[in-house]
Amino acid sequence: MTGKLMAGAIVLCGLLAGIGVYYFQVYHFYEEVEAQGTNDVELTVMASGTPEPILYDSFEAIDADSSPIRYRACFTTTMSFPMLTETYEPYEGAEPRTAPGWFDCFDAEAIGAEIDAGTALVFTGERNIEFGIDRVVAITDDGRGYVWHEINECGDKAYDGTPLGEDCPERPQPD
């Protein structure tokens, strides 16, 4: 009888630990981002290399302090593909990262399919928004937009220990 109780206690502890890990991973660390109303969505201008706000509406975003790549946002815009492609810097090789299931507006698989089909274009939001992390913006031909963070080449090198090289900015020193 004591063995059954011990086995039951071990199973119960494992189940509770699993539920706790799931909760923390999917819900606990994320917070809604308050819309500023003017500069929530920015794209990097080709001519100057600096980010500038674009026209947007219906902005929703989440973020977490636990990781620099947990940022996700959705919005709509009335800006046309021709205007966007002539003005703003494209971003090559972006792959949308999955968002928690409860953040309904951001479906990474659907966004990726639209990028592959050419019905969504990807632009540079801001390079090195945090060291080694770029903010990426995808906009569909019907005006839906999505924002997420990508680890850039400098971030890949920094995190795997490869020497950074001269193309990378100076890495900030921890306090």
C-alpha atoms as a PDB file:
ATOM      1  CA  MET A   1       0.000   0.000   0.000  1.00  0.00           C
ATOM      2  CA  THR A   2       2.832   2.407   0.847  1.00  0.00           C
ATOM      3  CA  GLY A   3       4.422   1.775  -2.569  1.00  0.00           C
ATOM      4  CA  LYS A   4       1.179   2.720  -4.340  1.00  0.00           C
ATOM      5  CA  LEU A   5       0.976   5.949  -2.348  1.00  0.00           C
ATOM      6  CA  MET A   6       4.604   6.803  -3.144  1.00  0.00           C
ATOM      7  CA  ALA A   7       4.084   6.062  -6.856  1.00  0.00           C
ATOM      8  CA  GLY A   8       0.891   8.147  -6.839  1.00  0.00           C
ATOM      9  CA  ALA A   9       2.701  11.028  -5.127  1.00  0.00           C
ATOM     10  CA  ILE A  10       5.523  10.900  -7.687  1.00  0.00           C
ATOM     11  CA  VAL A  11       3.051  10.893 -10.598  1.00  0.00           C
ATOM     12  CA  LEU A  12       1.079  13.759  -9.031  1.00  0.00           C
ATOM     13  CA  CYS A  13       4.255  15.818  -8.480  1.00  0.00           C
ATOM     14  CA  GLY A  14       5.329  15.205 -12.075  1.00  0.00           C
ATOM     15  CA  LEU A  15       1.902  16.212 -13.363  1.00  0.00           C
ATOM     16  CA  LEU A  16       1.858  19.409 -11.275  1.00  0.00           C
ATOM     17  CA  ALA A  17       5.383  20.295 -12.407  1.00  0.00           C
ATOM     18  CA  GLY A  18       4.382  19.780 -16.054  1.00  0.00           C
ATOM     19  CA  ILE A  19       1.307  21.976 -15.652  1.00  0.00           C
ATOM     20  CA  GLY A  20       3.438  24.643 -13.962  1.00  0.00           C
ATOM     21  CA  VAL A  21       6.057  24.641 -16.719  1.00  0.00           C
ATOM     22  CA  TYR A  22       3.336  24.861 -19.388  1.00  0.00           C
ATOM     23  CA  TYR A  23       1.617  27.761 -17.607  1.00  0.00           C
ATOM     24  CA  PHE A  24       4.831  29.729 -17.176  1.00  0.00           C
ATOM     25  CA  GLN A  25       5.932  29.131 -20.777  1.00  0.00           C
ATOM     26  CA  VAL A  26       2.620  30.026 -22.419  1.00  0.00           C
ATOM     27  CA  TYR A  27       0.932  32.535 -20.114  1.00  0.00           C
ATOM     28  CA  HIS A  28       2.876  33.881 -17.158  1.00  0.00           C
ATOM     29  CA  PHE A  29       5.772  35.795 -18.714  1.00  0.00           C
ATOM     30  CA  TYR A  30       3.824  37.510 -21.511  1.00  0.00           C
ATOM     31  CA  GLU A  31       2.332  40.954 -21.051  1.00  0.00           C
ATOM     32  CA  GLU A  32       0.246  43.041 -23.407  1.00  0.00           C
ATOM     33  CA  VAL A  33       2.115  45.998 -24.889  1.00  0.00           C
ATOM     34  CA  GLU A  34       0.311  49.313 -24.598  1.00  0.00           C
ATOM     35  CA  ALA A  35      -0.047  51.022 -27.977  1.00  0.00           C
ATOM     36  CA  GLN A  36       1.726  54.404 -28.130  1.00  0.00           C
ATOM     37  CA  GLY A  37      -0.417  55.493 -31.051  1.00  0.00           C
ATOM     38  CA  THR A  38       2.373  56.995 -33.167  1.00  0.00           C
ATOM     39  CA  ASN A  39       5.497  54.833 -33.297  1.00  0.00           C
ATOM     40  CA  ASP A  40       4.400  51.276 -32.528  1.00  0.00           C
ATOM     41  CA  VAL A  41       5.188  50.159 -36.091  1.00  0.00           C
ATOM     42  CA  GLU A  42       8.378  51.440 -37.708  1.00  0.00           C
ATOM     43  CA  LEU A  43      10.189  50.482 -40.916  1.00  0.00           C
ATOM     44  CA  THR A  44      13.778  51.308 -41.889  1.00  0.00           C
ATOM     45  CA  VAL A  45      13.988  53.796 -44.747  1.00  0.00           C
ATOM     46  CA  MET A  46      16.322  52.671 -47.556  1.00  0.00           C
ATOM     47  CA  ALA A  47      17.700  56.158 -48.189  1.00  0.00           C
ATOM     48  CA  SER A  48      18.653  56.997 -44.602  1.00  0.00           C
ATOM     49  CA  GLY A  49      18.926  53.602 -42.884  1.00  0.00           C
ATOM     50  CA  THR A  50      16.880  54.886 -39.958  1.00  0.00           C
ATOM     51  CA  PRO A  51      13.506  53.600 -38.759  1.00  0.00           C
ATOM     52  CA  GLU A  52      10.441  55.785 -39.138  1.00  0.00           C
ATOM     53  CA  PRO A  53       6.816  55.245 -38.089  1.00  0.00           C
ATOM     54  CA  ILE A  54       4.333  54.121 -40.742  1.00  0.00           C
ATOM     55  CA  LEU A  55       0.558  54.480 -40.938  1.00  0.00           C
ATOM     56  CA  TYR A  56      -1.157  51.731 -38.939  1.00  0.00           C
ATOM     57  CA  ASP A  57      -4.327  50.880 -37.072  1.00  0.00           C
ATOM     58  CA  SER A  58      -5.691  48.059 -34.883  1.00  0.00           C
ATOM     59  CA  PHE A  59      -2.377  47.488 -33.111  1.00  0.00           C
ATOM     60  CA  GLU A  60      -2.080  44.544 -30.688  1.00  0.00           C
ATOM     61  CA  ALA A  61       1.189  43.310 -29.161  1.00  0.00           C
ATOM     62  CA  ILE A  62       2.658  41.075 -26.503  1.00  0.00           C
ATOM     63  CA  ASP A  63       6.167  40.864 -25.073  1.00  0.00           C
ATOM     64  CA  ALA A  64       8.088  39.179 -22.272  1.00  0.00           C
ATOM     65  CA  ASP A  65      11.171  40.225 -20.339  1.00  0.00           C
ATOM     66  CA  SER A  66      12.335  36.610 -20.228  1.00  0.00           C
ATOM     67  CA  SER A  67      13.609  36.635 -23.840  1.00  0.00           C
ATOM     68  CA  PRO A  68      14.358  39.288 -26.478  1.00  0.00           C
ATOM     69  CA  ILE A  69      12.616  37.230 -29.197  1.00  0.00           C
ATOM     70  CA  ARG A  70       9.192  36.913 -27.550  1.00  0.00           C
ATOM     71  CA  TYR A  71       7.810  40.151 -29.029  1.00  0.00           C
ATOM     72  CA  ARG A  72       4.820  39.690 -31.381  1.00  0.00           C
ATOM     73  CA  ALA A  73       2.469  42.303 -32.816  1.00  0.00           C
ATOM     74  CA  CYS A  74      -0.382  42.583 -35.300  1.00  0.00           C
ATOM     75  CA  PHE A  75      -1.746  45.670 -37.040  1.00  0.00           C
ATOM     76  CA  THR A  76      -3.393  46.875 -40.228  1.00  0.00           C
ATOM     77  CA  THR A  77      -2.157  49.478 -42.696  1.00  0.00           C
ATOM     78  CA  THR A  78      -3.414  51.209 -45.820  1.00  0.00           C
ATOM     79  CA  MET A  79       0.060  51.546 -47.344  1.00  0.00           C
ATOM     80  CA  SER A  80       0.439  49.888 -50.761  1.00  0.00           C
ATOM     81  CA  PHE A  81       3.062  47.313 -51.779  1.00  0.00           C
ATOM     82  CA  PRO A  82       4.603  49.652 -54.412  1.00  0.00           C
ATOM     83  CA  MET A  83       5.031  52.456 -51.879  1.00  0.00           C
ATOM     84  CA  LEU A  84       6.458  50.099 -49.255  1.00  0.00           C
ATOM     85  CA  THR A  85       8.942  48.431 -51.625  1.00  0.00           C
ATOM     86  CA  GLU A  86      10.187  51.747 -53.024  1.00  0.00           C
ATOM     87  CA  THR A  87      10.704  53.315 -49.604  1.00  0.00           C
ATOM     88  CA  TYR A  88      11.598  50.702 -47.022  1.00  0.00           C
ATOM     89  CA  GLU A  89      14.424  48.206 -46.598  1.00  0.00           C
ATOM     90  CA  PRO A  90      13.509  44.561 -47.267  1.00  0.00           C
ATOM     91  CA  TYR A  91      14.520  41.878 -44.774  1.00  0.00           C
ATOM     92  CA  GLU A  92      15.852  38.617 -46.173  1.00  0.00           C
ATOM     93  CA  GLY A  93      15.419  35.192 -44.604  1.00  0.00           C
ATOM     94  CA  ALA A  94      12.851  36.081 -41.957  1.00  0.00           C
ATOM     95  CA  GLU A  95      10.821  33.250 -40.452  1.00  0.00           C
ATOM     96  CA  PRO A  96       7.903  34.142 -38.186  1.00  0.00           C
ATOM     97  CA  ARG A  97       8.154  32.615 -34.743  1.00  0.00           C
ATOM     98  CA  THR A  98       5.133  30.980 -33.179  1.00  0.00           C
ATOM     99  CA  ALA A  99       3.135  32.941 -30.654  1.00  0.00           C
ATOM    100  CA  PRO A 100       1.096  31.564 -27.760  1.00  0.00           C
ATOM    101  CA  GLY A 101      -2.203  30.109 -28.971  1.00  0.00           C
ATOM    102  CA  TRP A 102      -4.192  32.677 -27.029  1.00  0.00           C
ATOM    103  CA  PHE A 103      -2.658  35.536 -29.086  1.00  0.00           C
ATOM    104  CA  ASP A 104      -5.103  34.875 -31.929  1.00  0.00           C
ATOM    105  CA  CYS A 105      -4.022  37.482 -34.469  1.00  0.00           C
ATOM    106  CA  PHE A 106      -0.502  36.048 -34.943  1.00  0.00           C
ATOM    107  CA  ASP A 107      -0.375  32.704 -36.782  1.00  0.00           C
ATOM    108  CA  ALA A 108       3.267  32.054 -37.696  1.00  0.00           C
ATOM    109  CA  GLU A 109       2.468  29.214 -40.120  1.00  0.00           C
ATOM    110  CA  ALA A 110      -0.074  31.309 -42.041  1.00  0.00           C
ATOM    111  CA  ILE A 111       2.279  34.301 -42.122  1.00  0.00           C
ATOM    112  CA  GLY A 112       5.123  32.095 -43.374  1.00  0.00           C
ATOM    113  CA  ALA A 113       2.867  30.662 -46.086  1.00  0.00           C
ATOM    114  CA  GLU A 114       1.947  34.185 -47.213  1.00  0.00           C
ATOM    115  CA  ILE A 115       5.630  35.161 -47.335  1.00  0.00           C
ATOM    116  CA  ASP A 116       6.422  32.040 -49.393  1.00  0.00           C
ATOM    117  CA  ALA A 117       3.494  32.748 -51.736  1.00  0.00           C
ATOM    118  CA  GLY A 118       4.565  36.378 -52.234  1.00  0.00           C
ATOM    119  CA  THR A 119       1.339  37.781 -50.779  1.00  0.00           C
ATOM    120  CA  ALA A 120       3.320  39.198 -47.835  1.00  0.00           C
ATOM    121  CA  LEU A 121       6.524  41.204 -47.961  1.00  0.00           C
ATOM    122  CA  VAL A 122       9.033  41.398 -45.125  1.00  0.00           C
ATOM    123  CA  PHE A 123      10.760  44.636 -44.134  1.00  0.00           C
ATOM    124  CA  THR A 124      13.368  45.698 -41.619  1.00  0.00           C
ATOM    125  CA  GLY A 125      11.694  47.339 -38.668  1.00  0.00           C
ATOM    126  CA  GLU A 126      14.870  48.139 -36.758  1.00  0.00           C
ATOM    127  CA  ARG A 127      18.287  46.493 -36.802  1.00  0.00           C
ATOM    128  CA  ASN A 128      19.816  45.659 -33.430  1.00  0.00           C
ATOM    129  CA  ILE A 129      16.803  46.786 -31.436  1.00  0.00           C
ATOM    130  CA  GLU A 130      18.734  44.906 -28.801  1.00  0.00           C
ATOM    131  CA  PHE A 131      22.225  43.538 -29.489  1.00  0.00           C
ATOM    132  CA  GLY A 132      21.928  40.717 -32.033  1.00  0.00           C
ATOM    133  CA  ILE A 133      18.153  41.097 -32.407  1.00  0.00           C
ATOM    134  CA  ASP A 134      16.321  42.719 -35.335  1.00  0.00           C
ATOM    135  CA  ARG A 135      12.684  43.797 -35.350  1.00  0.00           C
ATOM    136  CA  VAL A 136      11.022  42.425 -38.500  1.00  0.00           C
ATOM    137  CA  VAL A 137       7.736  43.543 -40.071  1.00  0.00           C
ATOM    138  CA  ALA A 138       5.693  41.553 -42.598  1.00  0.00           C
ATOM    139  CA  ILE A 139       2.836  43.204 -44.477  1.00  0.00           C
ATOM    140  CA  THR A 140       0.306  41.341 -46.626  1.00  0.00           C
ATOM    141  CA  ASP A 141      -1.184  42.586 -49.865  1.00  0.00           C
ATOM    142  CA  ASP A 142      -4.511  43.169 -48.083  1.00  0.00           C
ATOM    143  CA  GLY A 143      -2.933  45.397 -45.403  1.00  0.00           C
ATOM    144  CA  ARG A 144      -2.517  43.026 -42.468  1.00  0.00           C
ATOM    145  CA  GLY A 145       0.801  43.430 -40.710  1.00  0.00           C
ATOM    146  CA  TYR A 146       2.854  41.393 -38.264  1.00  0.00           C
ATOM    147  CA  VAL A 147       5.930  42.187 -36.199  1.00  0.00           C
ATOM    148  CA  TRP A 148       8.396  39.851 -34.475  1.00  0.00           C
ATOM    149  CA  HIS A 149      12.049  39.704 -33.478  1.00  0.00           C
ATOM    150  CA  GLU A 150      14.743  37.719 -35.324  1.00  0.00           C
ATOM    151  CA  ILE A 151      18.218  36.822 -34.156  1.00  0.00           C
ATOM    152  CA  ASN A 152      20.539  38.433 -36.718  1.00  0.00           C
ATOM    153  CA  GLU A 153      23.982  37.257 -37.901  1.00  0.00           C
ATOM    154  CA  CYS A 154      25.775  39.096 -35.088  1.00  0.00           C
ATOM    155  CA  GLY A 155      23.437  37.534 -32.547  1.00  0.00           C
ATOM    156  CA  ASP A 156      24.069  34.064 -33.987  1.00  0.00           C
ATOM    157  CA  LYS A 157      27.819  34.620 -33.701  1.00  0.00           C
ATOM    158  CA  ALA A 158      27.631  36.089 -30.202  1.00  0.00           C
ATOM    159  CA  TYR A 159      25.446  33.307 -28.849  1.00  0.00           C
ATOM    160  CA  ASP A 160      27.493  30.444 -30.325  1.00  0.00           C
ATOM    161  CA  GLY A 161      30.861  31.967 -29.371  1.00  0.00           C
ATOM    162  CA  THR A 162      32.146  32.742 -32.895  1.00  0.00           C
ATOM    163  CA  PRO A 163      34.219  35.967 -33.143  1.00  0.00           C
ATOM    164  CA  LEU A 164      31.893  38.821 -34.088  1.00  0.00           C
ATOM    165  CA  GLY A 165      33.869  40.440 -36.883  1.00  0.00           C
ATOM    166  CA  GLU A 166      33.863  44.035 -38.035  1.00  0.00           C
ATOM    167  CA  ASP A 167      30.282  44.092 -39.398  1.00  0.00           C
ATOM    168  CA  CYS A 168      28.807  43.766 -35.910  1.00  0.00           C
ATOM    169  CA  PRO A 169      28.263  46.679 -33.529  1.00  0.00           C
ATOM    170  CA  GLU A 170      30.074  46.753 -30.198  1.00  0.00           C
ATOM    171  CA  ARG A 171      28.441  44.327 -27.806  1.00  0.00           C
ATOM    172  CA  PRO A 172      27.253  46.072 -24.630  1.00  0.00           C
ATOM    173  CA  GLN A 173      28.996  44.926 -21.457  1.00  0.00           C
ATOM    174  CA  PRO A 174      26.821  43.577 -18.636  1.00  0.00           C
ATOM    175  CA  ASP A 175      26.437  45.837 -15.625  1.00  0.00           C
END
